[in-house]
Amino acid sequence: MNRELMAPTKVLLTADRTLMSNYRNDEFLGFGTTAPPNVVPDWFFQLLFFPPIKTLNGIPIQAPYGLRKIEAQLLNEGFEVLTADLS
């Protein structure tokens, strides 16, 4: 079937809370998310290593780099893409 005649496929991109973060603009803090979380309380672990990103009605103001790369390629391929923070 001719893809150009078909309606675009809709794709919803999201990630778990450790990936849906900007790591305080320091990508090396992202490695902290792989540490055992039982050493410090969960709220402190999250606050320190992967604070939530800013959203507007669940849509990230700036999605994490990896999701942006995937979103860009899907858009280039003709998909209709929405990146959302479901946490």
Protein backbone atom coordinates (compact mmCIF):
# COMPACT_ATOMS: atom_id res chain seq x y z
CA MET A 1 0.00 0.00 0.00
CA ASN A 2 1.26 3.48 -0.83
CA ARG A 3 2.42 5.14 2.42
CA GLU A 4 1.83 8.64 1.05
CA LEU A 5 -1.91 7.96 0.67
CA MET A 6 -2.28 6.60 4.20
CA ALA A 7 -2.92 8.71 7.30
CA PRO A 8 0.23 9.12 9.41
CA THR A 9 0.71 6.59 12.17
CA LYS A 10 0.42 8.18 15.61
CA VAL A 11 3.21 7.49 18.11
CA LEU A 12 3.31 8.38 21.81
CA LEU A 13 6.82 8.61 23.26
CA THR A 14 7.42 8.51 26.99
CA ALA A 15 10.01 7.21 29.43
CA ASP A 16 10.34 6.15 33.04
CA ARG A 17 11.09 8.80 35.65
CA THR A 18 14.85 8.18 35.58
CA LEU A 19 15.00 8.98 31.85
CA MET A 20 12.44 11.81 31.84
CA SER A 21 14.84 14.24 33.50
CA ASN A 22 17.47 16.75 32.46
CA TYR A 23 19.73 15.71 35.39
CA ARG A 24 20.15 19.35 36.40
CA ASN A 25 21.83 19.96 33.02
CA ASP A 26 24.71 17.69 34.02
CA GLU A 27 24.58 14.43 32.07
CA PHE A 28 26.96 12.77 34.51
CA LEU A 29 24.29 12.98 37.24
CA GLY A 30 22.29 10.61 35.03
CA PHE A 31 24.74 7.85 35.95
CA GLY A 32 23.57 8.24 39.56
CA THR A 33 20.23 6.71 38.55
CA THR A 34 21.99 3.35 38.21
CA ALA A 35 23.08 3.36 41.88
CA PRO A 36 21.21 1.18 44.38
CA PRO A 37 18.32 3.35 45.61
CA ASN A 38 18.13 1.77 49.07
CA VAL A 39 21.08 3.77 50.43
CA VAL A 40 19.11 7.03 50.74
CA PRO A 41 15.36 7.73 50.89
CA ASP A 42 13.54 7.65 47.52
CA TRP A 43 12.51 11.31 47.65
CA PHE A 44 16.14 12.37 48.16
CA PHE A 45 17.42 9.95 45.51
CA GLN A 46 14.96 11.40 42.98
CA LEU A 47 15.66 15.00 43.98
CA LEU A 48 19.42 14.50 43.73
CA PHE A 49 19.78 12.39 40.59
CA PHE A 50 16.67 12.82 38.42
CA PRO A 51 14.46 15.78 39.29
CA PRO A 52 11.27 15.94 37.21
CA ILE A 53 11.33 18.08 34.10
CA LYS A 54 9.01 21.03 33.56
CA THR A 55 5.86 20.19 31.64
CA LEU A 56 2.85 21.98 30.31
CA ASN A 57 -0.21 19.71 30.66
CA GLY A 58 2.04 16.65 30.62
CA ILE A 59 4.01 17.73 27.54
CA PRO A 60 7.70 18.31 28.35
CA ILE A 61 8.89 21.84 27.70
CA GLN A 62 12.18 20.26 26.68
CA ALA A 63 12.23 16.51 26.24
CA PRO A 64 15.36 14.54 27.15
CA TYR A 65 17.99 14.27 24.42
CA GLY A 66 17.40 10.59 23.62
CA LEU A 67 13.66 11.07 23.14
CA ARG A 68 14.26 14.16 21.00
CA LYS A 69 16.48 12.15 18.67
CA ILE A 70 13.86 9.40 18.34
CA GLU A 71 11.08 11.95 17.87
CA ALA A 72 13.04 13.75 15.14
CA GLN A 73 13.63 10.56 13.17
CA LEU A 74 10.00 9.47 13.48
CA LEU A 75 8.88 12.90 12.23
CA ASN A 76 11.33 12.60 9.31
CA GLU A 77 9.76 9.23 8.46
CA GLY A 78 6.27 10.76 8.37
CA PHE A 79 4.89 9.67 11.74
CA GLU A 80 2.74 11.91 13.91
CA VAL A 81 4.62 12.04 17.25
CA LEU A 82 3.77 13.27 20.74
CA THR A 83 6.27 13.12 23.61
CA ALA A 84 4.58 13.06 27.02
CA ASP A 85 5.58 12.74 30.68
CA LEU A 86 3.08 10.31 32.19
CA SER A 87 4.51 10.33 35.71
